[in-house]
């Protein structure tokens, strides 16, 4: 029985594209998590590449949807709020770098022993 309807007619194109866009965003988050948890440089590089490729695809889909009025843009954030967030992120990066540098010069084992902590490596870093 042919009703004249194919599979694509069951879901409007805009809804389908929004679903794909949301899935690409989720995939980027998962690849980023996998990258940060990868101890093997080859695996880490692979997830970096997958993240970059997925971000490019997400950006292309967003542009097509935006050009076809299929994506509602959120309200623009005030510049002062953006500047504040960027400064906070830069401060965190600087403090983290200083912390790592200090601990590297102290030796990894001495910090954990000073704090009464174990110096074993968690399984997810191995």
Protein backbone atom coordinates (compact mmCIF):
# COMPACT_ATOMS: atom_id res chain seq x y z
CA UNK A 1 0.00 0.00 0.00
CA UNK A 2 1.49 3.31 -1.08
CA UNK A 3 0.24 6.31 0.85
CA UNK A 4 2.44 8.76 -1.04
CA UNK A 5 4.41 9.41 2.14
CA UNK A 6 8.04 8.44 2.53
CA UNK A 7 10.06 8.12 5.72
CA UNK A 8 11.28 11.72 5.57
CA UNK A 9 7.70 13.06 5.62
CA UNK A 10 7.22 11.71 9.14
CA UNK A 11 9.42 14.40 10.62
CA UNK A 12 9.64 17.96 9.29
CA UNK A 13 13.05 18.81 7.86
CA UNK A 14 13.63 21.57 10.43
CA UNK A 15 12.99 19.17 13.32
CA UNK A 16 15.27 16.58 11.78
CA UNK A 17 18.07 19.11 11.32
CA UNK A 18 17.63 20.41 14.89
CA UNK A 19 17.93 16.83 16.14
CA UNK A 20 21.12 16.30 14.12
CA UNK A 21 22.53 19.63 15.35
CA UNK A 22 21.84 18.70 18.98
CA UNK A 23 23.47 15.31 18.44
CA UNK A 24 26.57 16.91 16.93
CA UNK A 25 26.85 19.20 19.98
CA UNK A 26 26.55 16.18 22.30
CA UNK A 27 29.14 14.28 20.28
CA UNK A 28 31.61 17.16 20.57
CA UNK A 29 31.21 17.13 24.37
CA UNK A 30 31.81 13.39 24.47
CA UNK A 31 34.88 13.59 22.23
CA UNK A 32 36.25 16.41 24.37
CA UNK A 33 35.80 14.30 27.49
CA UNK A 34 37.50 11.35 25.80
CA UNK A 35 40.38 13.63 24.78
CA UNK A 36 40.95 14.86 28.31
CA UNK A 37 40.86 11.32 29.68
CA UNK A 38 43.22 9.82 27.09
CA UNK A 39 46.69 8.99 28.34
CA UNK A 40 47.87 7.60 25.00
CA UNK A 41 49.07 10.42 22.68
CA UNK A 42 47.78 8.59 19.59
CA UNK A 43 44.31 8.14 21.05
CA UNK A 44 44.32 11.73 22.31
CA UNK A 45 45.23 13.00 18.82
CA UNK A 46 42.50 10.85 17.28
CA UNK A 47 39.85 12.35 19.60
CA UNK A 48 41.23 15.86 18.93
CA UNK A 49 40.77 15.26 15.20
CA UNK A 50 37.28 13.82 15.68
CA UNK A 51 36.36 16.85 17.79
CA UNK A 52 37.66 19.27 15.16
CA UNK A 53 35.88 17.45 12.33
CA UNK A 54 32.62 17.32 14.26
CA UNK A 55 32.86 21.03 15.15
CA UNK A 56 33.33 21.86 11.46
CA UNK A 57 30.32 19.75 10.49
CA UNK A 58 28.23 21.32 13.28
CA UNK A 59 29.27 24.79 12.09
CA UNK A 60 28.33 24.00 8.49
CA UNK A 61 24.94 22.64 9.52
CA UNK A 62 24.33 25.67 11.73
CA UNK A 63 25.13 28.02 8.81
CA UNK A 64 22.71 26.21 6.48
CA UNK A 65 19.98 26.23 9.12
CA UNK A 66 20.59 29.88 9.94
CA UNK A 67 20.48 30.92 6.28
CA UNK A 68 17.16 29.09 5.91
CA UNK A 69 15.66 30.60 9.07
CA UNK A 70 15.59 27.21 10.76
CA UNK A 71 17.59 28.25 13.81
CA UNK A 72 16.52 30.86 16.30
CA UNK A 73 19.51 32.83 17.51
CA UNK A 74 19.73 33.46 21.24
CA UNK A 75 19.84 37.03 22.49
CA UNK A 76 23.27 38.60 22.27
CA UNK A 77 25.26 38.59 25.49
CA UNK A 78 26.46 41.96 26.77
CA UNK A 79 30.11 42.57 25.91
CA UNK A 80 30.95 43.21 29.56
CA UNK A 81 29.68 39.74 30.50
CA UNK A 82 31.75 38.14 27.74
CA UNK A 83 34.85 40.06 28.80
CA UNK A 84 34.28 38.99 32.41
CA UNK A 85 33.98 35.32 31.43
CA UNK A 86 37.07 35.47 29.20
CA UNK A 87 39.09 37.10 32.00
CA UNK A 88 37.93 34.45 34.48
CA UNK A 89 38.93 31.66 32.08
CA UNK A 90 42.33 33.27 31.46
CA UNK A 91 42.91 33.61 35.22
CA UNK A 92 42.06 29.95 35.73
CA UNK A 93 44.42 28.89 32.94
CA UNK A 94 47.22 31.01 34.42
CA UNK A 95 46.69 29.66 37.95
CA UNK A 96 46.53 26.10 36.68
CA UNK A 97 49.75 26.57 34.71
CA UNK A 98 51.49 28.02 37.76
CA UNK A 99 50.24 25.15 39.91
CA UNK A 100 51.49 22.57 37.43
CA UNK A 101 54.83 24.31 37.09
CA UNK A 102 55.29 24.50 40.88
CA UNK A 103 54.41 20.85 41.32
CA UNK A 104 56.66 19.78 38.47
CA UNK A 105 59.65 21.51 40.10
CA UNK A 106 58.78 19.97 43.49
CA UNK A 107 58.41 16.50 42.02
CA UNK A 108 55.10 14.72 41.66
CA UNK A 109 55.64 12.40 44.63
CA UNK A 110 56.56 15.06 47.15
CA UNK A 111 53.27 16.96 46.77
CA UNK A 112 51.10 13.92 47.42
CA UNK A 113 53.22 12.90 50.39
CA UNK A 114 53.08 16.42 51.86
CA UNK A 115 49.31 16.34 51.67
CA UNK A 116 49.12 12.81 53.09
CA UNK A 117 47.70 11.56 49.82
CA UNK A 118 48.44 8.49 47.80
CA UNK A 119 50.71 8.99 44.79
CA UNK A 120 49.15 6.18 42.74
CA UNK A 121 47.76 7.01 39.34
CA UNK A 122 43.99 6.60 38.90
CA UNK A 123 43.00 3.84 36.46
CA UNK A 124 41.43 6.21 33.93
CA UNK A 125 44.82 7.89 33.36
CA UNK A 126 46.63 4.66 32.58
